[in-house]
Amino acid sequence: MIYCVEDDDNIRELVVYTLDSTGLPAKGFPSGKEFKTALKNELPELILLDIMLPGEDGMQLLSEVRKDTKTKNIPVIMLTAKGAEYDKVSALDLGADDYVTKPFGMMELVSRIRAVLRRTGRGKNTDEPVIKSGSIKIDVLRHIVTSNGKEIVLTLKEFELLKMLILNSGVVLTREQLLEDIWGYNFDGETRTVDVHVRSLRQKLGKEGDRIETVRGVGYRIREK
């Protein structure tokens, strides 16, 4: 089930209809109030969240979703008319997994949703359910990261980014490679998206985050340990 929180009736109904028609069951909510009530009864696989909403705005709702242990790992895609880079970076910093600016095509939206859902379940078939590097431990099946035994709360993209860096320890990965593999499509040159997530990873990992090195003009690598 996918939840779409959008106050524009036409957009919300079109999104829900399109998703239902493509085999992605969806429910729509005009405000955060109805959305939060629904969360108590059923947790969705993914949330589509508009920023400009009556009452609590999308940024506030996103923050609440990421702080709640029951919903913190649910992927969130922001749907909004606000397209400035600052707004995108702000949403990503709060834990959004993708950002789609209106107007958008329905098929593009479906493609992005499917890409995020694939990434969500991608680790289920891995031959290595637990990945270790230094004090970092990634439990792929349970989608949990710990450092020195303490759980580190990461967004889906941060999780995938850390996993990719560790699986390629010592190897420089370009921003373009990271965008293609983790985000699943080209970002039209907006490689700053990767930089934002790397910065967040470093902060959350503390001392272990210092192992993530910037190779100027190329990309990133994590030092082997």
C-alpha atoms as a PDB file:
ATOM      1  CA  MET A   1       0.000   0.000   0.000  1.00  0.00           C
ATOM      2  CA  ILE A   2       1.201   3.483  -0.925  1.00  0.00           C
ATOM      3  CA  TYR A   3      -0.033   6.583   0.901  1.00  0.00           C
ATOM      4  CA  CYS A   4      -0.367   9.840  -1.030  1.00  0.00           C
ATOM      5  CA  VAL A   5      -0.695  12.982   1.121  1.00  0.00           C
ATOM      6  CA  GLU A   6      -1.755  15.791  -1.215  1.00  0.00           C
ATOM      7  CA  ASP A   7      -4.289  18.583  -0.624  1.00  0.00           C
ATOM      8  CA  ASP A   8      -5.026  19.144  -4.331  1.00  0.00           C
ATOM      9  CA  ASP A   9      -7.983  16.844  -4.991  1.00  0.00           C
ATOM     10  CA  ASN A  10      -7.283  16.499  -8.720  1.00  0.00           C
ATOM     11  CA  ILE A  11      -3.630  15.565  -8.282  1.00  0.00           C
ATOM     12  CA  ARG A  12      -4.340  13.214  -5.383  1.00  0.00           C
ATOM     13  CA  GLU A  13      -7.103  11.377  -7.214  1.00  0.00           C
ATOM     14  CA  LEU A  14      -5.032  11.106 -10.389  1.00  0.00           C
ATOM     15  CA  VAL A  15      -2.022   9.727  -8.504  1.00  0.00           C
ATOM     16  CA  VAL A  16      -4.140   7.155  -6.638  1.00  0.00           C
ATOM     17  CA  TYR A  17      -5.936   6.117  -9.834  1.00  0.00           C
ATOM     18  CA  THR A  18      -2.668   5.764 -11.757  1.00  0.00           C
ATOM     19  CA  LEU A  19      -0.998   3.729  -9.039  1.00  0.00           C
ATOM     20  CA  ASP A  20      -4.004   1.437  -8.640  1.00  0.00           C
ATOM     21  CA  SER A  21      -4.076   0.954 -12.426  1.00  0.00           C
ATOM     22  CA  THR A  22      -0.419  -0.085 -12.506  1.00  0.00           C
ATOM     23  CA  GLY A  23      -0.679  -2.641  -9.733  1.00  0.00           C
ATOM     24  CA  LEU A  24       0.398  -0.367  -6.884  1.00  0.00           C
ATOM     25  CA  PRO A  25      -2.494  -0.126  -4.395  1.00  0.00           C
ATOM     26  CA  ALA A  26      -2.778   3.396  -3.005  1.00  0.00           C
ATOM     27  CA  LYS A  27      -4.793   5.552  -0.631  1.00  0.00           C
ATOM     28  CA  GLY A  28      -5.019   9.343  -0.676  1.00  0.00           C
ATOM     29  CA  PHE A  29      -5.219  11.828   2.187  1.00  0.00           C
ATOM     30  CA  PRO A  30      -5.871  15.602   1.938  1.00  0.00           C
ATOM     31  CA  SER A  31      -3.955  16.513   5.097  1.00  0.00           C
ATOM     32  CA  GLY A  32      -1.561  15.253   7.711  1.00  0.00           C
ATOM     33  CA  LYS A  33      -4.378  14.654  10.189  1.00  0.00           C
ATOM     34  CA  GLU A  34      -6.036  11.937   8.097  1.00  0.00           C
ATOM     35  CA  PHE A  35      -2.633  10.543   7.137  1.00  0.00           C
ATOM     36  CA  LYS A  36      -1.502  10.114  10.756  1.00  0.00           C
ATOM     37  CA  THR A  37      -4.799   8.448  11.661  1.00  0.00           C
ATOM     38  CA  ALA A  38      -4.287   5.938   8.848  1.00  0.00           C
ATOM     39  CA  LEU A  39      -0.714   5.230  10.002  1.00  0.00           C
ATOM     40  CA  LYS A  40      -2.077   3.938  13.295  1.00  0.00           C
ATOM     41  CA  ASN A  41      -4.082   1.263  11.455  1.00  0.00           C
ATOM     42  CA  GLU A  42      -1.778   0.282   8.601  1.00  0.00           C
ATOM     43  CA  LEU A  43       1.830   1.060   7.688  1.00  0.00           C
ATOM     44  CA  PRO A  44       2.404   1.718   3.975  1.00  0.00           C
ATOM     45  CA  GLU A  45       5.276   0.471   1.832  1.00  0.00           C
ATOM     46  CA  LEU A  46       5.963   4.017   0.647  1.00  0.00           C
ATOM     47  CA  ILE A  47       4.720   7.564   1.276  1.00  0.00           C
ATOM     48  CA  LEU A  48       4.181  10.311  -1.303  1.00  0.00           C
ATOM     49  CA  LEU A  49       4.216  13.587   0.597  1.00  0.00           C
ATOM     50  CA  ASP A  50       3.411  17.111  -0.563  1.00  0.00           C
ATOM     51  CA  ILE A  51       5.156  19.981   1.224  1.00  0.00           C
ATOM     52  CA  MET A  52       2.404  22.614   1.102  1.00  0.00           C
ATOM     53  CA  LEU A  53      -0.386  21.096   3.198  1.00  0.00           C
ATOM     54  CA  PRO A  54      -3.070  22.544   5.473  1.00  0.00           C
ATOM     55  CA  GLY A  55      -2.112  22.318   9.129  1.00  0.00           C
ATOM     56  CA  GLU A  56       1.191  20.491   9.479  1.00  0.00           C
ATOM     57  CA  ASP A  57       3.268  20.889   6.326  1.00  0.00           C
ATOM     58  CA  GLY A  58       5.114  18.079   4.582  1.00  0.00           C
ATOM     59  CA  MET A  59       8.457  18.886   6.189  1.00  0.00           C
ATOM     60  CA  GLN A  60       6.958  18.548   9.674  1.00  0.00           C
ATOM     61  CA  LEU A  61       5.278  15.273   8.756  1.00  0.00           C
ATOM     62  CA  LEU A  62       8.506  13.941   7.244  1.00  0.00           C
ATOM     63  CA  SER A  63      10.372  14.778  10.433  1.00  0.00           C
ATOM     64  CA  GLU A  64       7.759  12.951  12.525  1.00  0.00           C
ATOM     65  CA  VAL A  65       7.879   9.886  10.258  1.00  0.00           C
ATOM     66  CA  ARG A  66      11.662   9.679  10.578  1.00  0.00           C
ATOM     67  CA  LYS A  67      11.598  10.047  14.385  1.00  0.00           C
ATOM     68  CA  ASP A  68       9.003   7.319  14.955  1.00  0.00           C
ATOM     69  CA  THR A  69      10.611   3.870  15.328  1.00  0.00           C
ATOM     70  CA  LYS A  70       7.615   2.264  13.590  1.00  0.00           C
ATOM     71  CA  THR A  71       7.848   4.428  10.468  1.00  0.00           C
ATOM     72  CA  LYS A  72      11.495   5.548  10.310  1.00  0.00           C
ATOM     73  CA  ASN A  73      12.431   3.105   7.522  1.00  0.00           C
ATOM     74  CA  ILE A  74       9.415   3.743   5.275  1.00  0.00           C
ATOM     75  CA  PRO A  75      10.635   5.402   2.050  1.00  0.00           C
ATOM     76  CA  VAL A  76       9.279   8.895   1.406  1.00  0.00           C
ATOM     77  CA  ILE A  77       9.067  10.708  -1.930  1.00  0.00           C
ATOM     78  CA  MET A  78       8.291  14.424  -1.771  1.00  0.00           C
ATOM     79  CA  LEU A  79       5.794  15.799  -4.296  1.00  0.00           C
ATOM     80  CA  THR A  80       5.863  19.574  -4.483  1.00  0.00           C
ATOM     81  CA  ALA A  81       5.764  22.670  -6.648  1.00  0.00           C
ATOM     82  CA  LYS A  82       8.777  24.028  -4.751  1.00  0.00           C
ATOM     83  CA  GLY A  83      11.713  23.241  -7.009  1.00  0.00           C
ATOM     84  CA  ALA A  84      14.541  25.375  -5.634  1.00  0.00           C
ATOM     85  CA  GLU A  85      17.721  23.504  -4.745  1.00  0.00           C
ATOM     86  CA  TYR A  86      17.461  24.729  -1.134  1.00  0.00           C
ATOM     87  CA  ASP A  87      14.050  23.068  -0.759  1.00  0.00           C
ATOM     88  CA  LYS A  88      15.339  19.818  -2.233  1.00  0.00           C
ATOM     89  CA  VAL A  89      18.374  19.782   0.032  1.00  0.00           C
ATOM     90  CA  SER A  90      16.209  20.588   3.066  1.00  0.00           C
ATOM     91  CA  ALA A  91      13.907  17.654   2.316  1.00  0.00           C
ATOM     92  CA  LEU A  92      16.846  15.298   1.752  1.00  0.00           C
ATOM     93  CA  ASP A  93      18.470  16.444   4.977  1.00  0.00           C
ATOM     94  CA  LEU A  94      15.269  15.570   6.832  1.00  0.00           C
ATOM     95  CA  GLY A  95      15.340  12.063   5.369  1.00  0.00           C
ATOM     96  CA  ALA A  96      13.377  12.167   2.099  1.00  0.00           C
ATOM     97  CA  ASP A  97      14.395   9.384  -0.284  1.00  0.00           C
ATOM     98  CA  ASP A  98      13.431  11.209  -3.463  1.00  0.00           C
ATOM     99  CA  TYR A  99      12.035  14.555  -4.582  1.00  0.00           C
ATOM    100  CA  VAL A 100       9.679  15.108  -7.543  1.00  0.00           C
ATOM    101  CA  THR A 101       8.827  18.637  -8.660  1.00  0.00           C
ATOM    102  CA  LYS A 102       5.393  19.487 -10.090  1.00  0.00           C
ATOM    103  CA  PRO A 103       4.321  19.242 -12.808  1.00  0.00           C
ATOM    104  CA  PHE A 104       5.464  15.650 -13.225  1.00  0.00           C
ATOM    105  CA  GLY A 105       4.435  12.821 -15.535  1.00  0.00           C
ATOM    106  CA  MET A 106       2.534   9.933 -14.006  1.00  0.00           C
ATOM    107  CA  MET A 107       4.738   7.330 -15.674  1.00  0.00           C
ATOM    108  CA  GLU A 108       7.854   9.043 -14.339  1.00  0.00           C
ATOM    109  CA  LEU A 109       6.343   8.947 -10.855  1.00  0.00           C
ATOM    110  CA  VAL A 110       5.486   5.250 -11.197  1.00  0.00           C
ATOM    111  CA  SER A 111       9.029   4.542 -12.399  1.00  0.00           C
ATOM    112  CA  ARG A 112      10.563   6.338  -9.421  1.00  0.00           C
ATOM    113  CA  ILE A 113       8.258   4.569  -6.983  1.00  0.00           C
ATOM    114  CA  ARG A 114       9.161   1.170  -8.433  1.00  0.00           C
ATOM    115  CA  ALA A 115      12.862   2.054  -8.255  1.00  0.00           C
ATOM    116  CA  VAL A 116      12.572   2.947  -4.560  1.00  0.00           C
ATOM    117  CA  LEU A 117      10.581  -0.214  -3.809  1.00  0.00           C
ATOM    118  CA  ARG A 118      13.199  -2.318  -5.596  1.00  0.00           C
ATOM    119  CA  ARG A 119      15.917  -0.748  -3.494  1.00  0.00           C
ATOM    120  CA  THR A 120      13.889  -1.360  -0.351  1.00  0.00           C
ATOM    121  CA  GLY A 121      13.791  -5.099  -0.933  1.00  0.00           C
ATOM    122  CA  ARG A 122      17.026  -5.500  -2.836  1.00  0.00           C
ATOM    123  CA  GLY A 123      18.948  -6.842   0.157  1.00  0.00           C
ATOM    124  CA  LYS A 124      16.544  -9.740   0.697  1.00  0.00           C
ATOM    125  CA  ASN A 125      18.359 -11.944  -1.796  1.00  0.00           C
ATOM    126  CA  THR A 126      21.892 -11.021  -0.867  1.00  0.00           C
ATOM    127  CA  ASP A 127      24.381 -13.814  -0.231  1.00  0.00           C
ATOM    128  CA  GLU A 128      25.843 -11.764   2.602  1.00  0.00           C
ATOM    129  CA  PRO A 129      23.054 -10.797   5.029  1.00  0.00           C
ATOM    130  CA  VAL A 130      25.488  -9.159   7.473  1.00  0.00           C
ATOM    131  CA  ILE A 131      28.255  -6.844   6.244  1.00  0.00           C
ATOM    132  CA  LYS A 132      31.031  -5.697   8.579  1.00  0.00           C
ATOM    133  CA  SER A 133      33.669  -2.997   8.264  1.00  0.00           C
ATOM    134  CA  GLY A 134      35.556  -1.822  11.320  1.00  0.00           C
ATOM    135  CA  SER A 135      32.960  -1.225  14.031  1.00  0.00           C
ATOM    136  CA  ILE A 136      30.203  -0.808  11.427  1.00  0.00           C
ATOM    137  CA  LYS A 137      27.799  -3.703  11.053  1.00  0.00           C
ATOM    138  CA  ILE A 138      25.048  -3.755   8.415  1.00  0.00           C
ATOM    139  CA  ASP A 139      22.232  -6.235   8.900  1.00  0.00           C
ATOM    140  CA  VAL A 140      20.842  -6.279   5.369  1.00  0.00           C
ATOM    141  CA  LEU A 141      17.830  -8.456   6.101  1.00  0.00           C
ATOM    142  CA  ARG A 142      16.618  -6.382   9.042  1.00  0.00           C
ATOM    143  CA  HIS A 143      17.807  -3.109   7.503  1.00  0.00           C
ATOM    144  CA  ILE A 144      19.731  -2.139  10.646  1.00  0.00           C
ATOM    145  CA  VAL A 145      23.109  -0.411  10.916  1.00  0.00           C
ATOM    146  CA  THR A 146      25.134  -0.386  14.121  1.00  0.00           C
ATOM    147  CA  SER A 147      28.465   1.167  15.053  1.00  0.00           C
ATOM    148  CA  ASN A 148      30.193  -0.055  18.214  1.00  0.00           C
ATOM    149  CA  GLY A 149      26.962  -1.853  19.036  1.00  0.00           C
ATOM    150  CA  LYS A 150      24.829   1.291  18.859  1.00  0.00           C
ATOM    151  CA  GLU A 151      22.083   1.496  16.235  1.00  0.00           C
ATOM    152  CA  ILE A 152      22.505   4.275  13.675  1.00  0.00           C
ATOM    153  CA  VAL A 153      19.228   5.455  12.146  1.00  0.00           C
ATOM    154  CA  LEU A 154      19.667   5.948   8.395  1.00  0.00           C
ATOM    155  CA  THR A 155      17.326   6.770   5.540  1.00  0.00           C
ATOM    156  CA  LEU A 156      16.975   4.174   2.785  1.00  0.00           C
ATOM    157  CA  LYS A 157      19.369   6.021   0.506  1.00  0.00           C
ATOM    158  CA  GLU A 158      21.917   6.534   3.275  1.00  0.00           C
ATOM    159  CA  PHE A 159      21.671   2.815   4.007  1.00  0.00           C
ATOM    160  CA  GLU A 160      22.240   1.876   0.360  1.00  0.00           C
ATOM    161  CA  LEU A 161      25.051   4.410   0.028  1.00  0.00           C
ATOM    162  CA  LEU A 162      26.895   3.051   3.063  1.00  0.00           C
ATOM    163  CA  LYS A 163      26.406  -0.528   1.891  1.00  0.00           C
ATOM    164  CA  MET A 164      27.756   0.267  -1.568  1.00  0.00           C
ATOM    165  CA  LEU A 165      30.788   2.086  -0.183  1.00  0.00           C
ATOM    166  CA  ILE A 166      31.640  -0.768   2.188  1.00  0.00           C
ATOM    167  CA  LEU A 167      31.156  -3.460  -0.447  1.00  0.00           C
ATOM    168  CA  ASN A 168      33.645  -1.492  -2.545  1.00  0.00           C
ATOM    169  CA  SER A 169      36.045  -0.580   0.282  1.00  0.00           C
ATOM    170  CA  GLY A 170      39.143   1.217  -0.961  1.00  0.00           C
ATOM    171  CA  VAL A 171      37.640   1.783  -4.401  1.00  0.00           C
ATOM    172  CA  VAL A 172      36.756   5.289  -5.594  1.00  0.00           C
ATOM    173  CA  LEU A 173      33.122   5.496  -6.702  1.00  0.00           C
ATOM    174  CA  THR A 174      32.141   8.454  -8.847  1.00  0.00           C
ATOM    175  CA  ARG A 175      29.114  10.555  -8.020  1.00  0.00           C
ATOM    176  CA  GLU A 176      27.586   9.464 -11.319  1.00  0.00           C
ATOM    177  CA  GLN A 177      28.027   5.789 -10.398  1.00  0.00           C
ATOM    178  CA  LEU A 178      26.422   6.353  -7.026  1.00  0.00           C
ATOM    179  CA  LEU A 179      23.487   8.247  -8.543  1.00  0.00           C
ATOM    180  CA  GLU A 180      22.872   5.559 -11.141  1.00  0.00           C
ATOM    181  CA  ASP A 181      23.098   2.623  -8.751  1.00  0.00           C
ATOM    182  CA  ILE A 182      21.348   4.039  -5.694  1.00  0.00           C
ATOM    183  CA  TRP A 183      18.838   6.509  -7.119  1.00  0.00           C
ATOM    184  CA  GLY A 184      18.200   4.362 -10.177  1.00  0.00           C
ATOM    185  CA  TYR A 185      18.082   7.170 -12.725  1.00  0.00           C
ATOM    186  CA  ASN A 186      20.012  10.246 -13.818  1.00  0.00           C
ATOM    187  CA  PHE A 187      19.613  13.402 -11.776  1.00  0.00           C
ATOM    188  CA  ASP A 188      20.426  15.727 -14.696  1.00  0.00           C
ATOM    189  CA  GLY A 189      23.793  16.601 -13.221  1.00  0.00           C
ATOM    190  CA  GLU A 190      22.562  17.286  -9.666  1.00  0.00           C
ATOM    191  CA  THR A 191      25.446  15.384  -8.076  1.00  0.00           C
ATOM    192  CA  ARG A 192      25.056  17.557  -4.976  1.00  0.00           C
ATOM    193  CA  THR A 193      22.419  15.011  -3.953  1.00  0.00           C
ATOM    194  CA  VAL A 194      25.234  12.528  -3.302  1.00  0.00           C
ATOM    195  CA  ASP A 195      27.263  15.133  -1.393  1.00  0.00           C
ATOM    196  CA  VAL A 196      24.302  15.846   0.903  1.00  0.00           C
ATOM    197  CA  HIS A 197      23.860  12.181   1.753  1.00  0.00           C
ATOM    198  CA  VAL A 198      27.584  11.611   2.297  1.00  0.00           C
ATOM    199  CA  ARG A 199      27.690  14.579   4.664  1.00  0.00           C
ATOM    200  CA  SER A 200      24.752  13.171   6.612  1.00  0.00           C
ATOM    201  CA  LEU A 201      26.361   9.714   6.752  1.00  0.00           C
ATOM    202  CA  ARG A 202      29.591  11.150   8.134  1.00  0.00           C
ATOM    203  CA  GLN A 203      27.723  12.993  10.855  1.00  0.00           C
ATOM    204  CA  LYS A 204      25.655   9.988  11.874  1.00  0.00           C
ATOM    205  CA  LEU A 205      28.614   7.574  11.912  1.00  0.00           C
ATOM    206  CA  GLY A 206      30.791   9.820  14.086  1.00  0.00           C
ATOM    207  CA  LYS A 207      34.435   8.709  14.092  1.00  0.00           C
ATOM    208  CA  GLU A 208      33.722   5.916  11.622  1.00  0.00           C
ATOM    209  CA  GLY A 209      32.347   8.561   9.283  1.00  0.00           C
ATOM    210  CA  ASP A 210      35.855   9.994   8.958  1.00  0.00           C
ATOM    211  CA  ARG A 211      36.725   6.903   6.920  1.00  0.00           C
ATOM    212  CA  ILE A 212      34.553   8.177   4.062  1.00  0.00           C
ATOM    213  CA  GLU A 213      37.041  10.108   1.951  1.00  0.00           C
ATOM    214  CA  THR A 214      36.353  12.690  -0.734  1.00  0.00           C
ATOM    215  CA  VAL A 215      38.412  12.235  -3.892  1.00  0.00           C
ATOM    216  CA  ARG A 216      38.250  15.745  -5.243  1.00  0.00           C
ATOM    217  CA  GLY A 217      36.680  16.008  -8.676  1.00  0.00           C
ATOM    218  CA  VAL A 218      35.829  12.296  -8.766  1.00  0.00           C
ATOM    219  CA  GLY A 219      33.740  10.920  -5.929  1.00  0.00           C
ATOM    220  CA  TYR A 220      34.045   9.004  -2.682  1.00  0.00           C
ATOM    221  CA  ARG A 221      35.583   5.910  -1.122  1.00  0.00           C
ATOM    222  CA  ILE A 222      35.652   4.377   2.320  1.00  0.00           C
ATOM    223  CA  ARG A 223      39.009   3.415   3.785  1.00  0.00           C
ATOM    224  CA  GLU A 224      39.447  -0.255   4.500  1.00  0.00           C
ATOM    225  CA  LYS A 225      39.850  -1.173   8.147  1.00  0.00           C
END
